[in-house]
Amino acid sequence: MLLLNLALAAETPEAEALYKIWVNALPALEAGSRMPLAQLDEEAFEQMARGDVYRYRRPESDIVDGAVGVAWVPYPVEDLWLGAIDDVHQHLAGGLTETWLPGTVPGHKVLYQHFDVPAPFEDRHWVIVIDSNRPLYASSGGLIWERTWVLDPRGEDALEDVPKGTVDDPETALWTPVNHGGWLLIPAEGGSIVVYQVSTDIGGNIPEELVVRFAMASLGSMIEHLEELAQNTPEHYVGDHFVILNAGGADQALTTLHAESQSQPASRPVGDLMFLALLFRCTTAPAPPEVVVVTEPAPRPPSTPTPLLAEALDDPETAPDALDELVRRGASEELEAVALTSADLGARGWAITGLVQLDDADALPTLQHDPTNPELVRIWAAAGRIQLADRNELEDLRPLTRTWPELTRPFEKREAQL
């Protein structure tokens, strides 16, 4: 684990030292932070001192619960900030289109993002306002750096500013009803305390609970990714780089802080975009073959028992590699068992994906027709049946597009293939 290894190599500070820094920052945070104040107890600081990510679920009464992750990392806030907000050198997630909208200025961005989601789900789009919290930076004497995003307060009316032709058929995409979060950075003991928060409801047939659970499972990877970017910032951000402002919006570019430094360039953004990309990869498991993104699996010991691989489908971080290995082994029985009986919704989706990849449709009708199954599992199973159907079978499945209109697109694609 990058976070743990680097933190230990840098000699993580004592929990008490981190606690004192946090307590000293509390008055400024309580007065000026745009995010809910992170609730940190003794165990939180003990975990941070061990190089771990402390995470918890933040209940919200009227919207989906938030996910909060807190860690100490061995990098200065300047490097972390550069890695988080430089979106010119990013590698956009596959299927994502974005464009800046009117009102964008240094330190304040109005951003339209459209995610081409694999079938059987509708595409998603949103407009977010991303801000550096300059008043908090000023009131803390330049010590606290905060970057937040919220849905544009105009709601869907903000779509009127999106240039025509940015994406095809934008009217078919669903608006995400909840999408906010942010990064908080505080210098601490030769590194930084990092707080990451996210609350997201992507709407449609994807349950809120699945989104929250995935967000909780992704907190560690999000903070690790920020570390990777911070590690690679100094050499890239030299004097001839375009201006990136600090959290206070100073005219002096952050690039001047690294004019004499060395390392490697950062390349990807961190925040709601990466989280949503990971989430959609998990929740759109039964996508048609032509839109599945295939990645090279990490090496896995040949001795790993197949049942343990099946159990790994419960964890969004291990599920992709575990599924690849299960499919390679032709483990239909194990995948069927997960698809039919697992208590984890995401694991069932991954298992259905594996069955489709193995051209094994035996369990799919049972999954689809069982009214006790969550609707999302039934839709996934129906989508898998459509993907595997021959011409005659496909015609018999046509009524499914009336039961679940979101299956219309995969049905039409399969029809065109045949």
Protein backbone atom coordinates (compact mmCIF):
# COMPACT_ATOMS: atom_id res chain seq x y z
CA MET A 1 0.00 0.00 0.00
CA LEU A 2 1.60 3.25 -1.15
CA LEU A 3 0.21 5.35 1.69
CA LEU A 4 1.46 3.02 4.40
CA ASN A 5 4.88 2.39 2.86
CA LEU A 6 5.67 6.03 2.18
CA ALA A 7 4.36 7.18 5.51
CA LEU A 8 6.47 4.68 7.43
CA ALA A 9 9.52 5.55 5.32
CA ALA A 10 9.01 9.20 6.31
CA GLU A 11 8.59 8.30 10.00
CA THR A 12 4.99 9.13 10.74
CA PRO A 13 4.46 11.60 13.60
CA GLU A 14 3.00 10.75 16.96
CA ALA A 15 -0.78 10.71 17.27
CA GLU A 16 -0.61 13.39 19.96
CA ALA A 17 1.28 15.76 17.63
CA LEU A 18 -1.35 15.31 14.91
CA TYR A 19 -4.11 15.87 17.47
CA LYS A 20 -2.59 19.18 18.60
CA ILE A 21 -2.29 20.44 15.02
CA TRP A 22 -5.91 19.52 14.34
CA VAL A 23 -7.14 21.19 17.53
CA ASN A 24 -5.23 24.37 16.65
CA ALA A 25 -6.92 24.41 13.25
CA LEU A 26 -10.44 23.89 14.62
CA PRO A 27 -11.36 27.55 15.26
CA ALA A 28 -10.59 28.52 11.67
CA LEU A 29 -12.32 25.40 10.30
CA GLU A 30 -15.44 25.93 12.39
CA ALA A 31 -15.66 29.53 11.22
CA GLY A 32 -14.80 29.15 7.57
CA SER A 33 -14.75 25.61 6.15
CA ARG A 34 -17.28 24.89 3.40
CA MET A 35 -17.38 21.20 4.27
CA PRO A 36 -18.87 19.53 7.35
CA LEU A 37 -16.24 19.42 10.05
CA ALA A 38 -14.52 16.02 10.16
CA GLN A 39 -15.29 14.21 13.40
CA LEU A 40 -12.00 12.77 14.63
CA ASP A 41 -11.62 10.79 17.85
CA GLU A 42 -8.57 9.26 19.52
CA GLU A 43 -8.69 6.22 17.25
CA ALA A 44 -8.59 8.50 14.19
CA PHE A 45 -5.26 9.99 15.19
CA GLU A 46 -3.87 6.58 16.14
CA GLN A 47 -4.72 5.27 12.68
CA MET A 48 -3.21 8.31 11.00
CA ALA A 49 -0.02 7.85 13.03
CA ARG A 50 0.17 4.26 11.77
CA GLY A 51 0.01 5.48 8.19
CA ASP A 52 -3.59 4.31 7.69
CA VAL A 53 -6.64 6.11 6.35
CA TYR A 54 -9.28 6.78 8.99
CA ARG A 55 -12.69 6.57 7.38
CA TYR A 56 -16.26 6.95 8.51
CA ARG A 57 -19.74 7.42 7.14
CA ARG A 58 -21.32 10.83 7.76
CA PRO A 59 -25.13 10.67 8.04
CA GLU A 60 -27.05 13.40 6.24
CA SER A 61 -30.72 13.74 7.03
CA ASP A 62 -32.13 14.83 3.68
CA ILE A 63 -29.66 13.39 1.14
CA VAL A 64 -27.37 10.43 0.65
CA ASP A 65 -24.79 9.87 3.41
CA GLY A 66 -21.29 11.22 2.91
CA ALA A 67 -18.00 9.28 2.98
CA VAL A 68 -15.05 10.82 4.84
CA GLY A 69 -11.40 9.77 4.75
CA VAL A 70 -8.57 11.34 6.79
CA ALA A 71 -4.85 10.57 6.66
CA TRP A 72 -1.39 11.97 7.30
CA VAL A 73 0.77 11.90 4.17
CA PRO A 74 4.49 12.72 3.84
CA TYR A 75 4.10 15.55 1.30
CA PRO A 76 3.73 19.33 1.68
CA VAL A 77 0.38 20.92 0.96
CA GLU A 78 1.80 22.72 -2.10
CA ASP A 79 2.62 19.46 -3.87
CA LEU A 80 -0.72 17.90 -2.94
CA TRP A 81 -2.55 20.99 -4.19
CA LEU A 82 -0.77 20.93 -7.53
CA GLY A 83 -1.56 17.28 -8.06
CA ALA A 84 -5.22 17.76 -7.19
CA ILE A 85 -6.13 20.74 -9.36
CA ASP A 86 -3.98 20.61 -12.52
CA ASP A 87 -6.61 19.33 -14.97
CA VAL A 88 -4.77 20.28 -18.15
CA HIS A 89 -2.37 17.34 -17.92
CA GLN A 90 -5.04 14.91 -16.88
CA HIS A 91 -5.91 11.66 -18.63
CA LEU A 92 -9.70 11.76 -18.70
CA ALA A 93 -11.56 8.65 -17.70
CA GLY A 94 -12.86 6.67 -20.64
CA GLY A 95 -16.31 7.83 -21.69
CA LEU A 96 -16.02 11.25 -20.03
CA THR A 97 -16.49 14.53 -21.88
CA GLU A 98 -16.07 17.85 -20.11
CA THR A 99 -15.93 21.54 -20.91
CA TRP A 100 -15.48 24.74 -18.94
CA LEU A 101 -18.53 26.99 -18.87
CA PRO A 102 -18.93 30.78 -18.61
CA GLY A 103 -17.92 32.07 -15.19
CA THR A 104 -14.67 30.08 -15.06
CA VAL A 105 -11.74 32.14 -13.80
CA PRO A 106 -8.50 31.18 -12.00
CA GLY A 107 -9.44 29.59 -8.68
CA HIS A 108 -13.13 29.21 -9.64
CA LYS A 109 -14.36 26.76 -12.24
CA VAL A 110 -17.78 26.02 -13.67
CA LEU A 111 -17.50 22.61 -15.29
CA TYR A 112 -19.85 20.49 -17.39
CA GLN A 113 -19.13 16.77 -17.33
CA HIS A 114 -20.90 14.04 -19.29
CA PHE A 115 -20.26 10.36 -18.60
CA ASP A 116 -21.07 7.85 -21.36
CA VAL A 117 -22.24 5.02 -19.12
CA PRO A 118 -22.23 1.47 -20.51
CA ALA A 119 -25.61 -0.18 -21.00
CA PRO A 120 -28.06 -0.93 -19.54
CA PHE A 121 -27.89 2.42 -17.75
CA GLU A 122 -28.50 5.90 -19.05
CA ASP A 123 -25.62 8.35 -19.44
CA ARG A 124 -25.11 10.85 -16.60
CA HIS A 125 -24.22 14.52 -16.71
CA TRP A 126 -23.84 17.37 -14.28
CA VAL A 127 -22.51 20.89 -13.85
CA ILE A 128 -20.33 21.53 -10.82
CA VAL A 129 -18.81 24.67 -9.36
CA ILE A 130 -15.27 24.11 -8.07
CA ASP A 131 -13.81 26.68 -5.69
CA SER A 132 -10.72 27.37 -3.66
CA ASN A 133 -11.71 28.61 -0.20
CA ARG A 134 -9.77 31.88 -0.15
CA PRO A 135 -11.32 33.29 3.05
CA LEU A 136 -10.32 30.17 5.00
CA TYR A 137 -6.79 30.36 3.63
CA ALA A 138 -6.58 33.99 4.71
CA SER A 139 -8.11 33.53 8.17
CA SER A 140 -5.72 30.65 8.93
CA GLY A 141 -2.67 32.62 7.93
CA GLY A 142 -2.18 30.53 4.80
CA LEU A 143 -2.08 27.23 6.68
CA ILE A 144 -5.39 25.63 5.66
CA TRP A 145 -5.99 24.85 2.00
CA GLU A 146 -9.49 23.79 0.91
CA ARG A 147 -10.89 22.96 -2.52
CA THR A 148 -14.58 22.04 -2.83
CA TRP A 149 -17.12 21.25 -5.49
CA VAL A 150 -20.92 21.46 -5.46
CA LEU A 151 -23.62 21.08 -8.05
CA ASP A 152 -24.27 24.34 -9.84
CA PRO A 153 -27.02 26.08 -7.81
CA ARG A 154 -28.93 26.70 -11.05
CA GLY A 155 -29.52 22.97 -11.28
CA GLU A 156 -30.36 21.67 -14.72
CA ASP A 157 -30.82 25.24 -15.97
CA ALA A 158 -27.02 25.40 -16.01
CA LEU A 159 -27.09 23.04 -19.00
CA GLU A 160 -28.21 25.96 -21.13
CA ASP A 161 -24.58 27.19 -21.05
CA VAL A 162 -23.21 23.96 -22.53
CA PRO A 163 -22.13 24.59 -26.14
CA LYS A 164 -24.18 22.69 -28.69
CA GLY A 165 -22.35 19.69 -30.08
CA THR A 166 -20.33 19.07 -26.90
CA VAL A 167 -21.90 15.60 -26.66
CA ASP A 168 -24.36 13.64 -28.77
CA ASP A 169 -27.95 13.47 -27.50
CA PRO A 170 -27.41 15.26 -24.16
CA GLU A 171 -31.16 15.17 -23.55
CA THR A 172 -30.98 11.41 -22.97
CA ALA A 173 -28.57 11.74 -20.02
CA LEU A 174 -29.72 11.75 -16.40
CA TRP A 175 -28.83 14.61 -14.09
CA THR A 176 -27.01 13.54 -10.90
CA PRO A 177 -29.16 14.84 -8.01
CA VAL A 178 -26.33 14.95 -5.42
CA ASN A 179 -22.67 15.63 -6.13
CA HIS A 180 -20.48 17.54 -3.68
CA GLY A 181 -17.29 17.12 -1.74
CA GLY A 182 -13.79 18.46 -1.38
CA TRP A 183 -10.20 18.29 -0.20
CA LEU A 184 -8.78 19.85 2.95
CA LEU A 185 -5.00 20.12 3.46
CA ILE A 186 -3.21 21.18 6.65
CA PRO A 187 0.60 21.21 7.12
CA ALA A 188 1.59 18.72 9.81
CA GLU A 189 4.92 17.39 11.04
CA GLY A 190 6.80 17.56 7.74
CA GLY A 191 3.79 16.37 5.74
CA SER A 192 0.08 17.13 5.64
CA ILE A 193 -3.20 16.11 7.18
CA VAL A 194 -5.51 15.29 4.28
CA VAL A 195 -9.30 15.21 4.58
CA TYR A 196 -11.36 13.97 1.64
CA GLN A 197 -15.17 14.07 1.64
CA VAL A 198 -17.68 13.04 -1.02
CA SER A 199 -21.46 12.74 -1.23
CA THR A 200 -22.91 11.43 -4.48
CA ASP A 201 -26.26 10.18 -5.71
CA ILE A 202 -26.08 9.31 -9.40
CA GLY A 203 -29.81 8.73 -9.72
CA GLY A 204 -31.61 6.23 -11.90
CA ASN A 205 -31.73 2.58 -10.85
CA ILE A 206 -28.41 2.55 -9.00
CA PRO A 207 -29.25 2.44 -5.29
CA GLU A 208 -27.94 5.15 -2.98
CA GLU A 209 -26.67 2.53 -0.54
CA LEU A 210 -24.44 0.94 -3.18
CA VAL A 211 -22.98 4.34 -4.05
CA VAL A 212 -22.20 5.15 -0.40
CA ARG A 213 -20.63 1.76 0.23
CA PHE A 214 -18.48 2.12 -2.86
CA ALA A 215 -17.44 5.60 -1.78
CA MET A 216 -16.37 4.25 1.61
CA ALA A 217 -14.35 1.46 -0.01
CA SER A 218 -12.65 3.93 -2.37
CA LEU A 219 -11.43 6.44 0.23
CA GLY A 220 -8.02 4.82 0.59
CA SER A 221 -7.37 4.64 -3.14
CA MET A 222 -8.43 8.27 -3.59
CA ILE A 223 -5.91 9.53 -1.01
CA GLU A 224 -3.20 7.20 -2.34
CA HIS A 225 -3.79 8.58 -5.82
CA LEU A 226 -3.36 12.12 -4.54
CA GLU A 227 -0.06 11.03 -2.99
CA GLU A 228 1.12 9.61 -6.30
CA LEU A 229 0.42 12.93 -7.98
CA ALA A 230 2.15 14.87 -5.21
CA GLN A 231 5.22 12.66 -5.51
CA ASN A 232 5.45 13.54 -9.20
CA THR A 233 4.87 17.29 -9.09
CA PRO A 234 8.15 19.16 -8.52
CA GLU A 235 10.04 18.63 -11.78
CA HIS A 236 6.95 19.22 -13.89
CA TYR A 237 5.91 22.48 -12.25
CA VAL A 238 8.85 24.69 -13.12
CA GLY A 239 9.07 28.36 -14.09
CA ASP A 240 7.71 28.03 -17.63
CA HIS A 241 4.57 26.13 -16.57
CA PHE A 242 1.22 27.89 -16.85
CA VAL A 243 -0.05 29.65 -13.73
CA ILE A 244 -1.66 27.60 -10.97
CA LEU A 245 -2.85 29.71 -8.06
CA ASN A 246 -2.55 28.70 -4.44
CA ALA A 247 -5.56 28.27 -2.15
CA GLY A 248 -5.61 31.98 -1.44
CA GLY A 249 -5.81 32.90 -5.12
CA ALA A 250 -2.50 34.72 -5.00
CA ASP A 251 -1.21 36.16 -8.26
CA GLN A 252 2.04 34.32 -7.71
CA ALA A 253 1.76 30.92 -9.36
CA LEU A 254 2.43 27.86 -7.29
CA THR A 255 4.81 26.87 -10.07
CA THR A 256 7.42 29.27 -8.71
CA LEU A 257 7.61 27.16 -5.56
CA HIS A 258 9.19 24.41 -7.62
CA ALA A 259 11.35 26.39 -10.00
CA GLU A 260 14.48 24.76 -8.60
CA SER A 261 13.05 21.31 -7.82
CA GLN A 262 12.95 17.96 -9.61
CA SER A 263 10.58 15.00 -10.03
CA GLN A 264 8.10 13.78 -12.67
CA PRO A 265 4.90 15.27 -14.12
CA ALA A 266 1.48 14.76 -12.64
CA SER A 267 -1.06 13.46 -15.10
CA ARG A 268 -4.53 12.87 -13.67
CA PRO A 269 -7.11 14.79 -11.68
CA VAL A 270 -8.40 13.76 -8.29
CA GLY A 271 -11.90 14.24 -6.91
CA ASP A 272 -15.44 13.48 -7.91
CA LEU A 273 -14.38 12.56 -11.46
CA MET A 274 -12.12 9.70 -10.43
CA PHE A 275 -14.62 8.46 -7.86
CA LEU A 276 -17.47 8.43 -10.40
CA ALA A 277 -15.30 6.70 -12.99
CA LEU A 278 -14.53 3.91 -10.48
CA LEU A 279 -18.14 3.75 -9.39
CA PHE A 280 -19.50 3.40 -12.91
CA ARG A 281 -16.96 0.67 -13.63
CA CYS A 282 -18.41 -1.26 -10.71
CA THR A 283 -22.10 -0.56 -11.19
CA THR A 284 -22.17 -1.07 -14.96
CA ALA A 285 -20.70 -4.53 -14.71
CA PRO A 286 -22.91 -6.27 -17.34
CA ALA A 287 -21.93 -3.90 -20.18
CA PRO A 288 -21.86 -5.16 -23.80
CA PRO A 289 -18.44 -6.46 -24.83
CA GLU A 290 -17.68 -3.55 -27.11
CA VAL A 291 -17.83 -1.05 -24.25
CA VAL A 292 -16.07 -3.05 -21.55
CA VAL A 293 -12.71 -1.48 -20.67
CA VAL A 294 -10.21 -4.30 -20.35
CA THR A 295 -7.19 -3.65 -18.17
CA GLU A 296 -4.17 -5.86 -17.59
CA PRO A 297 -4.79 -7.69 -14.30
CA ALA A 298 -2.20 -7.53 -11.59
CA PRO A 299 -0.27 -10.79 -11.15
CA ARG A 300 -2.03 -13.09 -8.70
CA PRO A 301 -0.39 -16.13 -7.09
CA PRO A 302 -1.47 -19.29 -8.96
CA SER A 303 -2.18 -20.94 -5.62
CA THR A 304 -4.96 -18.51 -4.68
CA PRO A 305 -7.98 -20.76 -4.07
CA THR A 306 -10.93 -20.09 -6.35
CA PRO A 307 -13.37 -19.63 -3.41
CA LEU A 308 -11.15 -16.85 -2.05
CA LEU A 309 -11.19 -15.15 -5.43
CA ALA A 310 -14.97 -15.31 -5.40
CA GLU A 311 -15.00 -13.67 -1.95
CA ALA A 312 -12.80 -10.88 -3.36
CA LEU A 313 -15.71 -9.77 -5.54
CA ASP A 314 -17.16 -8.12 -2.41
CA ASP A 315 -14.42 -5.48 -2.44
CA PRO A 316 -14.56 -2.90 -5.27
CA GLU A 317 -10.78 -2.53 -5.11
CA THR A 318 -10.04 -6.24 -5.61
CA ALA A 319 -13.08 -7.24 -7.68
CA PRO A 320 -11.73 -6.40 -11.18
CA ASP A 321 -8.59 -8.54 -10.84
CA ALA A 322 -10.45 -11.33 -9.06
CA LEU A 323 -13.04 -11.45 -11.82
CA ASP A 324 -10.37 -11.60 -14.52
CA GLU A 325 -8.81 -14.62 -12.80
CA LEU A 326 -12.15 -16.34 -12.20
CA VAL A 327 -13.03 -15.97 -15.88
CA ARG A 328 -9.59 -17.24 -16.89
CA ARG A 329 -10.21 -20.33 -14.76
CA GLY A 330 -13.69 -20.81 -16.19
CA ALA A 331 -15.13 -20.76 -12.67
CA SER A 332 -18.81 -20.79 -13.67
CA GLU A 333 -20.01 -22.60 -10.54
CA GLU A 334 -18.38 -20.12 -8.19
CA LEU A 335 -19.67 -17.15 -10.20
CA GLU A 336 -23.19 -18.60 -10.24
CA ALA A 337 -23.09 -19.05 -6.48
CA VAL A 338 -22.08 -15.41 -5.96
CA ALA A 339 -24.66 -14.13 -8.45
CA LEU A 340 -27.46 -16.13 -6.84
CA THR A 341 -26.69 -15.87 -3.13
CA SER A 342 -24.25 -13.07 -2.26
CA ALA A 343 -25.49 -10.42 0.14
CA ASP A 344 -23.26 -7.87 -1.60
CA LEU A 345 -24.96 -6.14 -4.53
CA GLY A 346 -21.72 -5.14 -6.22
CA ALA A 347 -20.36 -8.72 -6.00
CA ARG A 348 -23.48 -10.02 -7.71
CA GLY A 349 -22.96 -7.53 -10.54
CA TRP A 350 -19.35 -8.62 -11.02
CA ALA A 351 -20.42 -12.28 -10.99
CA ILE A 352 -23.05 -11.68 -13.66
CA THR A 353 -20.39 -9.98 -15.75
CA GLY A 354 -18.18 -13.06 -15.44
CA LEU A 355 -20.98 -15.40 -16.45
CA VAL A 356 -21.61 -13.32 -19.57
CA GLN A 357 -17.92 -13.35 -20.43
CA LEU A 358 -17.96 -17.15 -20.07
CA ASP A 359 -21.03 -17.36 -22.32
CA ASP A 360 -22.89 -19.05 -19.46
CA ALA A 361 -26.51 -17.94 -19.29
CA ASP A 362 -27.87 -20.81 -17.17
CA ALA A 363 -28.43 -18.76 -14.01
CA LEU A 364 -29.53 -15.53 -15.68
CA PRO A 365 -33.26 -16.37 -16.17
CA THR A 366 -33.55 -17.34 -12.50
CA LEU A 367 -31.88 -14.09 -11.44
CA GLN A 368 -34.10 -12.05 -13.72
CA HIS A 369 -37.43 -13.65 -12.78
CA ASP A 370 -36.96 -13.94 -9.01
CA PRO A 371 -39.04 -11.07 -7.55
CA THR A 372 -37.09 -11.24 -4.27
CA ASN A 373 -33.94 -10.08 -6.03
CA PRO A 374 -33.10 -6.36 -6.05
CA GLU A 375 -34.34 -4.74 -9.23
CA LEU A 376 -30.80 -3.82 -10.21
CA VAL A 377 -29.74 -7.51 -10.14
CA ARG A 378 -32.75 -8.43 -12.27
CA ILE A 379 -31.85 -5.74 -14.80
CA TRP A 380 -28.22 -6.88 -14.88
CA ALA A 381 -29.34 -10.46 -15.51
CA ALA A 382 -31.73 -9.40 -18.25
CA ALA A 383 -28.98 -7.35 -19.89
CA GLY A 384 -26.72 -10.39 -19.79
CA ARG A 385 -29.37 -12.53 -21.47
CA ILE A 386 -29.69 -9.94 -24.21
CA GLN A 387 -25.93 -9.90 -24.77
CA LEU A 388 -25.82 -13.68 -25.20
CA ALA A 389 -29.02 -14.11 -27.23
CA ASP A 390 -29.13 -15.37 -30.79
CA ARG A 391 -31.60 -13.87 -33.26
CA ASN A 392 -34.58 -16.00 -32.22
CA GLU A 393 -33.88 -15.66 -28.50
CA LEU A 394 -33.49 -11.93 -28.86
CA GLU A 395 -36.96 -11.55 -30.32
CA ASP A 396 -38.40 -13.45 -27.35
CA LEU A 397 -36.62 -10.98 -25.04
CA ARG A 398 -38.02 -7.88 -26.72
CA PRO A 399 -40.78 -7.42 -24.07
CA LEU A 400 -38.02 -6.77 -21.53
CA THR A 401 -37.50 -3.34 -23.09
CA ARG A 402 -41.05 -2.43 -22.05
CA THR A 403 -40.54 -3.72 -18.51
CA TRP A 404 -37.19 -1.95 -18.18
CA PRO A 405 -36.77 0.84 -20.78
CA GLU A 406 -33.07 1.13 -19.87
CA LEU A 407 -32.58 -2.17 -21.73
CA THR A 408 -33.57 -0.60 -25.02
CA ARG A 409 -30.05 0.49 -25.91
CA PRO A 410 -28.37 -2.90 -25.25
CA PHE A 411 -31.22 -4.61 -27.10
CA GLU A 412 -30.75 -2.39 -30.14
CA LYS A 413 -26.99 -2.91 -30.09
CA ARG A 414 -27.38 -6.69 -29.94
CA GLU A 415 -29.96 -6.53 -32.72
CA ALA A 416 -27.48 -4.60 -34.89
CA GLN A 417 -24.74 -7.16 -34.15
CA LEU A 418 -26.95 -9.99 -35.37
